[in-house]
Amino acid sequence: MADGYSNIETRDQLKSTAEDISLGDNEQGSGLLDVAAALGLDSSDDGTGTC
C-alpha cells in the first residue's frame, strides 16, 4: 500500500477517523469517511465555502 502502510493499518486509520452520523452501528458501520483526517490534513473545511 502507499507509503508502506499495510492493509490493516490503512483500515484502522480510516475507521478511527470516520465521523459518527448518529445511526446504529448496523446502519452506519464506522461512520462517514473523512479522507482529509485519515491523511492527517485539516478536515474542518466542509466544502461549502463557509467556515
Protein backbone atom coordinates (compact mmCIF):
# COMPACT_ATOMS: atom_id res chain seq x y z
CA MET A 1 0.00 0.00 0.00
CA ALA A 2 1.03 3.61 -0.35
CA ASP A 3 3.74 4.95 1.94
CA GLY A 4 4.42 1.47 3.29
CA TYR A 5 1.16 1.11 5.26
CA SER A 6 -0.29 -2.37 5.48
CA ASN A 7 -3.92 -3.03 4.63
CA ILE A 8 -4.65 -3.43 8.36
CA GLU A 9 -3.03 -0.08 9.22
CA THR A 10 -4.95 1.61 6.41
CA ARG A 11 -8.28 0.13 7.55
CA ASP A 12 -7.60 1.13 11.17
CA GLN A 13 -6.77 4.71 10.13
CA LEU A 14 -9.95 5.02 8.07
CA LYS A 15 -12.10 3.60 10.87
CA SER A 16 -10.53 5.73 13.59
CA THR A 17 -11.09 8.99 11.66
CA ALA A 18 -14.65 8.25 10.47
CA GLU A 19 -17.30 10.66 11.75
CA ASP A 20 -20.29 9.38 13.71
CA ILE A 21 -23.52 10.12 11.83
CA SER A 22 -25.83 9.17 14.73
CA LEU A 23 -27.18 5.94 13.30
CA GLY A 24 -26.99 2.47 14.74
CA ASP A 25 -23.76 0.55 14.16
CA ASN A 26 -25.51 -1.81 11.78
CA GLU A 27 -26.71 1.18 9.72
CA GLN A 28 -23.62 3.40 9.64
CA GLY A 29 -20.74 1.00 10.15
CA SER A 30 -17.79 3.09 11.30
CA GLY A 31 -19.44 6.32 10.14
CA LEU A 32 -18.82 8.89 7.42
CA LEU A 33 -15.41 8.57 5.80
CA ASP A 34 -13.24 11.63 6.48
CA VAL A 35 -10.46 11.31 3.94
CA ALA A 36 -8.72 14.53 4.98
CA ALA A 37 -8.48 13.40 8.60
CA ALA A 38 -7.30 9.94 7.52
CA LEU A 39 -4.48 11.60 5.59
CA GLY A 40 -3.60 13.88 8.50
CA LEU A 41 -4.93 17.03 6.81
CA ASP A 42 -7.29 19.73 8.13
CA SER A 43 -10.76 18.23 7.94
CA SER A 44 -12.60 21.26 9.35
CA ASP A 45 -13.47 22.53 5.87
CA ASP A 46 -16.82 21.00 4.97
CA GLY A 47 -16.58 22.03 1.31
CA THR A 48 -19.40 24.58 1.44
CA GLY A 49 -17.13 27.59 1.08
CA THR A 50 -18.07 28.89 4.52
CA CYS A 51 -16.17 28.12 7.71
